[in-house]
Amino acid sequence: MTQKLALRTALMLTIPPLLWAGNAVVGRMVSPLVPPITLNFLRWLISFFILLPLAYPVFRNGSGLWSHWRRFASLSLLGVGCYNALQYLALQTSTPLNVTLVAASTPVFMLVLGALFFKAPVLLPQLLGALLSMAGVAVVMSRGEWTQLMQVEFVVGDIYILLATGCWALYSWLLSQRAEPDALRQNWAQFLMAQVVFGLGWSGAFTAAEWSFSNAHISWGWPLAGALAFVAIGPAVLAYRCWGEGVQRAGPAVAGFFANLTPLFAALMSAAFLGELPHLYHALAFALILGGIFISSRR
């Protein structure tokens, strides 16, 4: 029997990888202009003011924000405070190839954490889907030449992205647990604001440590301003809004496979920026990743 994946849900889960691919490209481009953890703090600070006109009722008594502060503090630590900060840190020292290959383990993290902590059974279709999806990522990043995968050398940035992937998988599972009032859950802006409020505390503390223990500096200008506007509106507000609804509709295990569309979109963006036409291996990778999504959604 097949578990139907509605078109709206599939679109909801496709938008975040598209925006996150752009986030990785922009994060790499502005790495000389702003420290990585500071970049994460600034993006969420801007997102706070974007959400404020839509989500200010969440600060009222009885909204569920303060009565469930431990839950939102945990969600914000993983999704706002750690995930992108670790990703930006990884882009400082690791290559895009390494970062994407390590991040391709998202479905595996989803399945393992689900089995260990959320009593979610690991089914054979999910395992097969994980293998197909990761194979698709490997095809993209090796440009169809498997010998390139044998030349990968891991650095500290790969550890950062591995930690980031684990944080995101745990965040997605916690997101699927309905602990707060339905009224708060159903209002996407208020639900995201509830995480951003505590996330600013976490990312602010991490930023203070970054400036205390490193030679941090910011090179202000229009390139950085444009980058901040993009990462705050797209990968932060829009992507998190779509991911939250998509996880609720499809479940974190199935949603995890959509995250593997990120390196495919990143490869296509790089090809577009470099003026290169898509190759046959792009089509092969796309088929493998979509095959992984389809198989993983079967019961």
Foldseek 3Di string as FASTA:
>chain_A
DFQDDDPLLVVLLQQLLLLVLVLLVLLLVCVVFFPLLVLLLLLLVVLLVVLCVVAVVLPDPPNQLVVPVVLLLLLLCLPRQQQRSLLSVLSVPHDPLLLLLLLLCLLVLLQVCCVPPVVDDDDPLLVLLSVLLSVLLCLLSCVNPNVVVVVDDDDVSSVSSNVSSNSVSVSLQSLQDPDTDPVQLVRLSNVLSSNSVSNSVNSVVVVVVPVVPDVTDHDDDDSVVVSSVSCNPRNRRSSVSSSSVSCNVQNSSLSSLSSSCNSLSSSVVVCVVVVHDDDPSSVVSVVSSVSSSRSSRGD
